[in-house]
Amino acid sequence: MTFWSALILGLVASPHCAGMCGGLQMAFQSGTQTSATIRFVNQQRLHLLILNLGRICTYVIAGVLFAWLGLAFVSSLNIPQISNSLRVFAALVIVLIGLQLLLRSQRPFHFLEGLGAAIWKPISRLIRHDGSLYRHSFVSGLAWGFLPCGLVYGVVLTAVFAEGFWDSGLIMLGFGVGTLPAMLLTGSAYQWFRTWSRSTSVQTTGGMFFVVGGLLMLSAPYWVSKEFLEDYPELLNMVFCVT
């Protein structure tokens, strides 16, 4: 997965994000409104933006951290079979993400949310208003990023196997940016985006994009193998003609 494919996933998965996180976002907003610190609409919008930036920062940090741990583990072993197994695992996760979009189901990664709940509960208790609205917005957003979400965990699992931990961070950044329209748009603009992102054509196209991508990743060794070139020599001739 790349930054751009993760961004696409964030866009097409927006109905899931809005449905799961919309209530929590409203709770964060109402908590700041009762403090009488928000007097203008622009302050409210800035609070909402900073809140979501905090959430995305948590995604990026998680991607970098887990990728760094994964790369350290793989490099310490340096066994080709393990690297190949990890590639297969990452490809299967991408296929599952595609199937989740095609079937509009949260089940493929639902079991991971129970594990995340153990982290979310103690972190959610640490959210306290310290008198600074925007600092509170950012801290609340950081905590929000720990909210158990199977889809986020699925993206993290694929990001772990990026080429480097900075690439993993970019993948999580792309996913977070892709979810922003659903979390920031309001009124008629949000209704239009929600209708568009939930349409059968968008969900099906997005699902097929990731299913096909995962299958290509799964079968990649064959496409560059000697056996494939021997079976389809005309493709090799076509490459030479194009180049």
C-alpha atoms as a PDB file:
ATOM      1  CA  MET A   1       0.000   0.000   0.000  1.00  0.00           C
ATOM      2  CA  THR A   2       1.127   3.554  -0.742  1.00  0.00           C
ATOM      3  CA  PHE A   3       0.159   7.046   0.416  1.00  0.00           C
ATOM      4  CA  TRP A   4      -2.260   7.419  -2.499  1.00  0.00           C
ATOM      5  CA  SER A   5      -3.928   4.029  -2.154  1.00  0.00           C
ATOM      6  CA  ALA A   6      -4.314   4.653   1.582  1.00  0.00           C
ATOM      7  CA  LEU A   7      -5.874   8.045   0.805  1.00  0.00           C
ATOM      8  CA  ILE A   8      -8.343   6.345  -1.555  1.00  0.00           C
ATOM      9  CA  LEU A   9      -9.171   3.847   1.170  1.00  0.00           C
ATOM     10  CA  GLY A  10      -9.792   6.672   3.631  1.00  0.00           C
ATOM     11  CA  LEU A  11     -12.185   8.325   1.177  1.00  0.00           C
ATOM     12  CA  VAL A  12     -14.213   5.222   0.320  1.00  0.00           C
ATOM     13  CA  ALA A  13     -14.249   4.092   3.964  1.00  0.00           C
ATOM     14  CA  SER A  14     -15.554   7.482   5.135  1.00  0.00           C
ATOM     15  CA  PRO A  15     -19.107   6.213   5.847  1.00  0.00           C
ATOM     16  CA  HIS A  16     -17.604   3.762   8.330  1.00  0.00           C
ATOM     17  CA  CYS A  17     -15.471   6.499   9.915  1.00  0.00           C
ATOM     18  CA  ALA A  18     -18.333   8.973  10.187  1.00  0.00           C
ATOM     19  CA  GLY A  19     -20.619   6.351  11.661  1.00  0.00           C
ATOM     20  CA  MET A  20     -18.117   5.096  14.202  1.00  0.00           C
ATOM     21  CA  CYS A  21     -16.362   8.337  15.171  1.00  0.00           C
ATOM     22  CA  GLY A  22     -19.054  10.952  14.527  1.00  0.00           C
ATOM     23  CA  GLY A  23     -20.596  10.503  17.964  1.00  0.00           C
ATOM     24  CA  LEU A  24     -17.252  10.741  19.717  1.00  0.00           C
ATOM     25  CA  GLN A  25     -16.345  13.838  17.736  1.00  0.00           C
ATOM     26  CA  MET A  26     -19.605  15.498  18.795  1.00  0.00           C
ATOM     27  CA  ALA A  27     -18.864  14.572  22.406  1.00  0.00           C
ATOM     28  CA  PHE A  28     -15.461  16.252  22.194  1.00  0.00           C
ATOM     29  CA  GLN A  29     -17.094  19.319  20.672  1.00  0.00           C
ATOM     30  CA  SER A  30     -19.813  19.558  23.275  1.00  0.00           C
ATOM     31  CA  GLY A  31     -17.227  19.205  25.991  1.00  0.00           C
ATOM     32  CA  THR A  32     -15.420  22.304  24.775  1.00  0.00           C
ATOM     33  CA  GLN A  33     -18.582  24.277  24.145  1.00  0.00           C
ATOM     34  CA  THR A  34     -19.700  23.982  27.745  1.00  0.00           C
ATOM     35  CA  SER A  35     -16.442  25.558  28.846  1.00  0.00           C
ATOM     36  CA  ALA A  36     -17.652  28.866  27.326  1.00  0.00           C
ATOM     37  CA  THR A  37     -14.372  29.302  25.447  1.00  0.00           C
ATOM     38  CA  ILE A  38     -15.908  28.997  21.966  1.00  0.00           C
ATOM     39  CA  ARG A  39     -17.693  32.193  20.963  1.00  0.00           C
ATOM     40  CA  PHE A  40     -17.258  32.239  17.227  1.00  0.00           C
ATOM     41  CA  VAL A  41     -17.855  29.739  14.454  1.00  0.00           C
ATOM     42  CA  ASN A  42     -14.271  30.056  13.241  1.00  0.00           C
ATOM     43  CA  GLN A  43     -13.002  28.946  16.644  1.00  0.00           C
ATOM     44  CA  GLN A  44     -15.266  25.924  16.448  1.00  0.00           C
ATOM     45  CA  ARG A  45     -13.961  25.018  13.000  1.00  0.00           C
ATOM     46  CA  LEU A  46     -10.352  25.419  14.110  1.00  0.00           C
ATOM     47  CA  HIS A  47     -11.040  23.240  17.139  1.00  0.00           C
ATOM     48  CA  LEU A  48     -12.491  20.555  14.862  1.00  0.00           C
ATOM     49  CA  LEU A  49      -9.489  20.720  12.525  1.00  0.00           C
ATOM     50  CA  ILE A  50      -6.960  20.481  15.377  1.00  0.00           C
ATOM     51  CA  LEU A  51      -8.965  17.622  16.887  1.00  0.00           C
ATOM     52  CA  ASN A  52      -8.665  15.650  13.659  1.00  0.00           C
ATOM     53  CA  LEU A  53      -4.994  16.548  13.234  1.00  0.00           C
ATOM     54  CA  GLY A  54      -4.357  15.000  16.632  1.00  0.00           C
ATOM     55  CA  ARG A  55      -6.157  11.835  15.507  1.00  0.00           C
ATOM     56  CA  ILE A  56      -4.069  11.641  12.328  1.00  0.00           C
ATOM     57  CA  CYS A  57      -0.869  12.193  14.322  1.00  0.00           C
ATOM     58  CA  THR A  58      -1.692   9.123  16.395  1.00  0.00           C
ATOM     59  CA  TYR A  59      -2.196   7.112  13.193  1.00  0.00           C
ATOM     60  CA  VAL A  60       1.170   8.252  11.813  1.00  0.00           C
ATOM     61  CA  ILE A  61       3.000   7.571  15.089  1.00  0.00           C
ATOM     62  CA  ALA A  62       1.434   4.100  15.271  1.00  0.00           C
ATOM     63  CA  GLY A  63       2.465   3.341  11.691  1.00  0.00           C
ATOM     64  CA  VAL A  64       6.062   4.489  12.229  1.00  0.00           C
ATOM     65  CA  LEU A  65       6.405   2.729  15.578  1.00  0.00           C
ATOM     66  CA  PHE A  66       5.034  -0.635  14.475  1.00  0.00           C
ATOM     67  CA  ALA A  67       6.956  -0.538  11.194  1.00  0.00           C
ATOM     68  CA  TRP A  68      10.174   0.249  13.062  1.00  0.00           C
ATOM     69  CA  LEU A  69       9.580  -2.702  15.392  1.00  0.00           C
ATOM     70  CA  GLY A  70       8.695  -4.945  12.441  1.00  0.00           C
ATOM     71  CA  LEU A  71      11.767  -3.953  10.431  1.00  0.00           C
ATOM     72  CA  ALA A  72      14.004  -4.440  13.453  1.00  0.00           C
ATOM     73  CA  PHE A  73      12.563  -7.924  13.967  1.00  0.00           C
ATOM     74  CA  VAL A  74      12.907  -8.980  10.326  1.00  0.00           C
ATOM     75  CA  SER A  75      16.433  -7.566   9.921  1.00  0.00           C
ATOM     76  CA  SER A  76      17.597  -9.302  13.094  1.00  0.00           C
ATOM     77  CA  LEU A  77      16.516 -12.667  11.666  1.00  0.00           C
ATOM     78  CA  ASN A  78      17.337 -12.013   7.993  1.00  0.00           C
ATOM     79  CA  ILE A  79      15.565 -15.160   6.816  1.00  0.00           C
ATOM     80  CA  PRO A  80      14.130 -14.984   3.257  1.00  0.00           C
ATOM     81  CA  GLN A  81      11.244 -17.288   4.140  1.00  0.00           C
ATOM     82  CA  ILE A  82      10.078 -14.907   6.852  1.00  0.00           C
ATOM     83  CA  SER A  83      10.159 -11.913   4.495  1.00  0.00           C
ATOM     84  CA  ASN A  84       8.120 -13.870   1.953  1.00  0.00           C
ATOM     85  CA  SER A  85       5.597 -14.898   4.623  1.00  0.00           C
ATOM     86  CA  LEU A  86       5.215 -11.284   5.715  1.00  0.00           C
ATOM     87  CA  ARG A  87       4.595 -10.234   2.109  1.00  0.00           C
ATOM     88  CA  VAL A  88       1.879 -12.874   1.799  1.00  0.00           C
ATOM     89  CA  PHE A  89       0.336 -11.748   5.084  1.00  0.00           C
ATOM     90  CA  ALA A  90       0.292  -8.092   3.997  1.00  0.00           C
ATOM     91  CA  ALA A  91      -1.290  -9.063   0.654  1.00  0.00           C
ATOM     92  CA  LEU A  92      -4.021 -11.039   2.424  1.00  0.00           C
ATOM     93  CA  VAL A  93      -4.758  -8.080   4.705  1.00  0.00           C
ATOM     94  CA  ILE A  94      -5.176  -5.832   1.638  1.00  0.00           C
ATOM     95  CA  VAL A  95      -7.540  -8.392   0.097  1.00  0.00           C
ATOM     96  CA  LEU A  96      -9.551  -8.453   3.349  1.00  0.00           C
ATOM     97  CA  ILE A  97      -9.779  -4.658   3.297  1.00  0.00           C
ATOM     98  CA  GLY A  98     -11.131  -4.860  -0.249  1.00  0.00           C
ATOM     99  CA  LEU A  99     -13.663  -7.513   0.732  1.00  0.00           C
ATOM    100  CA  GLN A 100     -14.720  -5.369   3.687  1.00  0.00           C
ATOM    101  CA  LEU A 101     -15.556  -2.562   1.266  1.00  0.00           C
ATOM    102  CA  LEU A 102     -17.265  -4.878  -1.231  1.00  0.00           C
ATOM    103  CA  LEU A 103     -19.400  -6.556   1.430  1.00  0.00           C
ATOM    104  CA  ARG A 104     -19.800  -3.391   3.520  1.00  0.00           C
ATOM    105  CA  SER A 105     -18.897  -5.431   6.525  1.00  0.00           C
ATOM    106  CA  GLN A 106     -16.786  -4.620   9.580  1.00  0.00           C
ATOM    107  CA  ARG A 107     -16.230  -8.269  10.475  1.00  0.00           C
ATOM    108  CA  PRO A 108     -12.763  -8.989   8.972  1.00  0.00           C
ATOM    109  CA  PHE A 109     -10.983  -6.890  11.615  1.00  0.00           C
ATOM    110  CA  HIS A 110     -13.705  -6.646  14.240  1.00  0.00           C
ATOM    111  CA  PHE A 111     -11.905  -9.045  16.572  1.00  0.00           C
ATOM    112  CA  LEU A 112      -8.972  -6.627  16.820  1.00  0.00           C
ATOM    113  CA  GLU A 113     -11.188  -3.950  18.352  1.00  0.00           C
ATOM    114  CA  GLY A 114     -11.437  -5.936  21.568  1.00  0.00           C
ATOM    115  CA  LEU A 115      -7.668  -5.768  21.902  1.00  0.00           C
ATOM    116  CA  GLY A 116      -7.665  -2.041  21.223  1.00  0.00           C
ATOM    117  CA  ALA A 117     -10.327  -1.443  23.875  1.00  0.00           C
ATOM    118  CA  ALA A 118      -7.821  -2.406  26.550  1.00  0.00           C
ATOM    119  CA  ILE A 119      -5.630   0.504  25.400  1.00  0.00           C
ATOM    120  CA  TRP A 120      -8.454   2.977  24.789  1.00  0.00           C
ATOM    121  CA  LYS A 121     -10.076   2.814  28.238  1.00  0.00           C
ATOM    122  CA  PRO A 122      -7.115   4.050  30.323  1.00  0.00           C
ATOM    123  CA  ILE A 123      -6.183   6.645  27.684  1.00  0.00           C
ATOM    124  CA  SER A 124      -9.716   8.057  27.531  1.00  0.00           C
ATOM    125  CA  ARG A 125      -9.579   8.730  31.286  1.00  0.00           C
ATOM    126  CA  LEU A 126      -6.511  10.938  30.818  1.00  0.00           C
ATOM    127  CA  ILE A 127      -8.422  13.518  28.773  1.00  0.00           C
ATOM    128  CA  ARG A 128      -8.746  16.594  30.955  1.00  0.00           C
ATOM    129  CA  HIS A 129      -9.421  20.184  30.027  1.00  0.00           C
ATOM    130  CA  ASP A 130      -6.385  22.228  31.067  1.00  0.00           C
ATOM    131  CA  GLY A 131      -7.790  25.646  30.210  1.00  0.00           C
ATOM    132  CA  SER A 132      -6.201  25.920  26.768  1.00  0.00           C
ATOM    133  CA  LEU A 133      -8.820  25.156  24.141  1.00  0.00           C
ATOM    134  CA  TYR A 134      -6.563  24.231  21.237  1.00  0.00           C
ATOM    135  CA  ARG A 135      -4.093  22.281  23.345  1.00  0.00           C
ATOM    136  CA  HIS A 136      -7.042  20.353  24.706  1.00  0.00           C
ATOM    137  CA  SER A 137      -8.308  19.847  21.135  1.00  0.00           C
ATOM    138  CA  PHE A 138      -4.997  18.346  20.033  1.00  0.00           C
ATOM    139  CA  VAL A 139      -4.629  16.109  23.104  1.00  0.00           C
ATOM    140  CA  SER A 140      -8.217  14.915  22.710  1.00  0.00           C
ATOM    141  CA  GLY A 141      -7.446  14.136  19.063  1.00  0.00           C
ATOM    142  CA  LEU A 142      -4.355  12.153  20.038  1.00  0.00           C
ATOM    143  CA  ALA A 143      -6.512  10.104  22.417  1.00  0.00           C
ATOM    144  CA  TRP A 144      -9.218   9.753  19.769  1.00  0.00           C
ATOM    145  CA  GLY A 145      -6.661   8.041  17.522  1.00  0.00           C
ATOM    146  CA  PHE A 146      -6.551   5.152  20.014  1.00  0.00           C
ATOM    147  CA  LEU A 147     -10.276   4.472  19.649  1.00  0.00           C
ATOM    148  CA  PRO A 148     -10.629   0.767  18.725  1.00  0.00           C
ATOM    149  CA  CYS A 149     -11.243   0.577  14.967  1.00  0.00           C
ATOM    150  CA  GLY A 150     -10.748  -2.616  12.984  1.00  0.00           C
ATOM    151  CA  LEU A 151     -10.253  -0.727   9.721  1.00  0.00           C
ATOM    152  CA  VAL A 152      -7.447   1.418  11.182  1.00  0.00           C
ATOM    153  CA  TYR A 153      -5.788  -1.709  12.564  1.00  0.00           C
ATOM    154  CA  GLY A 154      -6.015  -3.320   9.129  1.00  0.00           C
ATOM    155  CA  VAL A 155      -4.245  -0.343   7.531  1.00  0.00           C
ATOM    156  CA  VAL A 156      -1.585  -0.418  10.260  1.00  0.00           C
ATOM    157  CA  LEU A 157      -0.970  -4.104   9.540  1.00  0.00           C
ATOM    158  CA  THR A 158      -0.260  -3.327   5.897  1.00  0.00           C
ATOM    159  CA  ALA A 159       1.804  -0.245   6.762  1.00  0.00           C
ATOM    160  CA  VAL A 160       4.044  -2.350   8.999  1.00  0.00           C
ATOM    161  CA  PHE A 161       5.398  -4.069   5.893  1.00  0.00           C
ATOM    162  CA  ALA A 162       6.230  -0.891   3.974  1.00  0.00           C
ATOM    163  CA  GLU A 163       9.776  -0.467   2.666  1.00  0.00           C
ATOM    164  CA  GLY A 164      10.718   1.813   5.573  1.00  0.00           C
ATOM    165  CA  PHE A 165       9.096   3.177   8.703  1.00  0.00           C
ATOM    166  CA  TRP A 166       8.781   6.643   7.107  1.00  0.00           C
ATOM    167  CA  ASP A 167       6.857   5.012   4.242  1.00  0.00           C
ATOM    168  CA  SER A 168       4.635   3.419   6.847  1.00  0.00           C
ATOM    169  CA  GLY A 169       4.004   6.839   8.375  1.00  0.00           C
ATOM    170  CA  LEU A 170       3.055   8.209   4.941  1.00  0.00           C
ATOM    171  CA  ILE A 171       0.568   5.372   4.464  1.00  0.00           C
ATOM    172  CA  MET A 172      -1.134   6.212   7.757  1.00  0.00           C
ATOM    173  CA  LEU A 173      -1.044   9.913   6.874  1.00  0.00           C
ATOM    174  CA  GLY A 174      -2.746   9.174   3.548  1.00  0.00           C
ATOM    175  CA  PHE A 175      -5.465   7.164   5.273  1.00  0.00           C
ATOM    176  CA  GLY A 176      -6.030   9.889   7.856  1.00  0.00           C
ATOM    177  CA  VAL A 177      -6.222  12.626   5.210  1.00  0.00           C
ATOM    178  CA  GLY A 178      -8.687  10.507   3.248  1.00  0.00           C
ATOM    179  CA  THR A 179     -11.033  10.410   6.250  1.00  0.00           C
ATOM    180  CA  LEU A 180     -10.973  14.196   6.762  1.00  0.00           C
ATOM    181  CA  PRO A 181     -13.833  15.162   4.394  1.00  0.00           C
ATOM    182  CA  ALA A 182     -16.302  12.963   6.273  1.00  0.00           C
ATOM    183  CA  MET A 183     -15.176  14.432   9.601  1.00  0.00           C
ATOM    184  CA  LEU A 184     -14.874  18.108   8.608  1.00  0.00           C
ATOM    185  CA  LEU A 185     -17.645  18.729   6.071  1.00  0.00           C
ATOM    186  CA  THR A 186     -21.006  19.844   7.392  1.00  0.00           C
ATOM    187  CA  GLY A 187     -24.461  20.571   6.039  1.00  0.00           C
ATOM    188  CA  SER A 188     -25.257  19.947   2.377  1.00  0.00           C
ATOM    189  CA  ALA A 189     -21.581  19.411   1.466  1.00  0.00           C
ATOM    190  CA  TYR A 190     -21.358  16.547   3.932  1.00  0.00           C
ATOM    191  CA  GLN A 191     -24.645  15.040   2.722  1.00  0.00           C
ATOM    192  CA  TRP A 192     -23.356  15.097  -0.861  1.00  0.00           C
ATOM    193  CA  PHE A 193     -20.031  13.502   0.122  1.00  0.00           C
ATOM    194  CA  ARG A 194     -21.782  10.888   2.269  1.00  0.00           C
ATOM    195  CA  THR A 195     -24.131   9.950  -0.579  1.00  0.00           C
ATOM    196  CA  TRP A 196     -21.212   9.754  -3.030  1.00  0.00           C
ATOM    197  CA  SER A 197     -18.944   7.686  -0.783  1.00  0.00           C
ATOM    198  CA  ARG A 198     -21.724   5.255   0.159  1.00  0.00           C
ATOM    199  CA  SER A 199     -22.833   4.645  -3.410  1.00  0.00           C
ATOM    200  CA  THR A 200     -22.594   1.085  -4.675  1.00  0.00           C
ATOM    201  CA  SER A 201     -20.311   2.075  -7.542  1.00  0.00           C
ATOM    202  CA  VAL A 202     -17.756   3.788  -5.267  1.00  0.00           C
ATOM    203  CA  GLN A 203     -17.755   0.998  -2.694  1.00  0.00           C
ATOM    204  CA  THR A 204     -17.508  -1.701  -5.380  1.00  0.00           C
ATOM    205  CA  THR A 205     -14.760   0.104  -7.295  1.00  0.00           C
ATOM    206  CA  GLY A 206     -12.791   0.712  -4.120  1.00  0.00           C
ATOM    207  CA  GLY A 207     -13.232  -2.867  -2.978  1.00  0.00           C
ATOM    208  CA  MET A 208     -12.115  -4.293  -6.315  1.00  0.00           C
ATOM    209  CA  PHE A 209      -9.116  -1.938  -6.364  1.00  0.00           C
ATOM    210  CA  PHE A 210      -7.786  -3.381  -3.111  1.00  0.00           C
ATOM    211  CA  VAL A 211      -8.742  -6.993  -3.835  1.00  0.00           C
ATOM    212  CA  VAL A 212      -6.938  -6.902  -7.185  1.00  0.00           C
ATOM    213  CA  GLY A 213      -3.988  -5.046  -5.635  1.00  0.00           C
ATOM    214  CA  GLY A 214      -3.677  -7.636  -2.895  1.00  0.00           C
ATOM    215  CA  LEU A 215      -3.868 -10.512  -5.357  1.00  0.00           C
ATOM    216  CA  LEU A 216      -1.204  -8.928  -7.569  1.00  0.00           C
ATOM    217  CA  MET A 217       1.000  -8.466  -4.512  1.00  0.00           C
ATOM    218  CA  LEU A 218       0.374 -12.093  -3.579  1.00  0.00           C
ATOM    219  CA  SER A 219       1.334 -13.371  -7.016  1.00  0.00           C
ATOM    220  CA  ALA A 220       4.137 -10.853  -7.666  1.00  0.00           C
ATOM    221  CA  PRO A 221       6.990 -13.411  -7.550  1.00  0.00           C
ATOM    222  CA  TYR A 222       5.428 -15.314 -10.440  1.00  0.00           C
ATOM    223  CA  TRP A 223       5.079 -12.224 -12.665  1.00  0.00           C
ATOM    224  CA  VAL A 224       8.845 -11.639 -12.524  1.00  0.00           C
ATOM    225  CA  SER A 225       9.854 -15.281 -12.533  1.00  0.00           C
ATOM    226  CA  LYS A 226      11.679 -17.134 -15.280  1.00  0.00           C
ATOM    227  CA  GLU A 227       8.746 -19.526 -15.630  1.00  0.00           C
ATOM    228  CA  PHE A 228       6.331 -16.680 -16.431  1.00  0.00           C
ATOM    229  CA  LEU A 229       8.643 -15.239 -19.088  1.00  0.00           C
ATOM    230  CA  GLU A 230       9.044 -18.674 -20.623  1.00  0.00           C
ATOM    231  CA  ASP A 231       5.288 -19.224 -20.656  1.00  0.00           C
ATOM    232  CA  TYR A 232       4.519 -15.797 -22.170  1.00  0.00           C
ATOM    233  CA  PRO A 233       7.548 -14.710 -24.233  1.00  0.00           C
ATOM    234  CA  GLU A 234       5.404 -12.319 -26.280  1.00  0.00           C
ATOM    235  CA  LEU A 235       5.018 -10.095 -23.191  1.00  0.00           C
ATOM    236  CA  LEU A 236       8.788  -9.800 -22.934  1.00  0.00           C
ATOM    237  CA  ASN A 237       8.977  -8.850 -26.618  1.00  0.00           C
ATOM    238  CA  MET A 238       6.264  -6.234 -26.032  1.00  0.00           C
ATOM    239  CA  VAL A 239       8.288  -4.705 -23.199  1.00  0.00           C
ATOM    240  CA  PHE A 240      11.330  -4.454 -25.447  1.00  0.00           C
ATOM    241  CA  CYS A 241       9.268  -2.827 -28.189  1.00  0.00           C
ATOM    242  CA  VAL A 242       7.787  -0.243 -25.791  1.00  0.00           C
ATOM    243  CA  THR A 243      11.151   0.606 -24.258  1.00  0.00           C
END
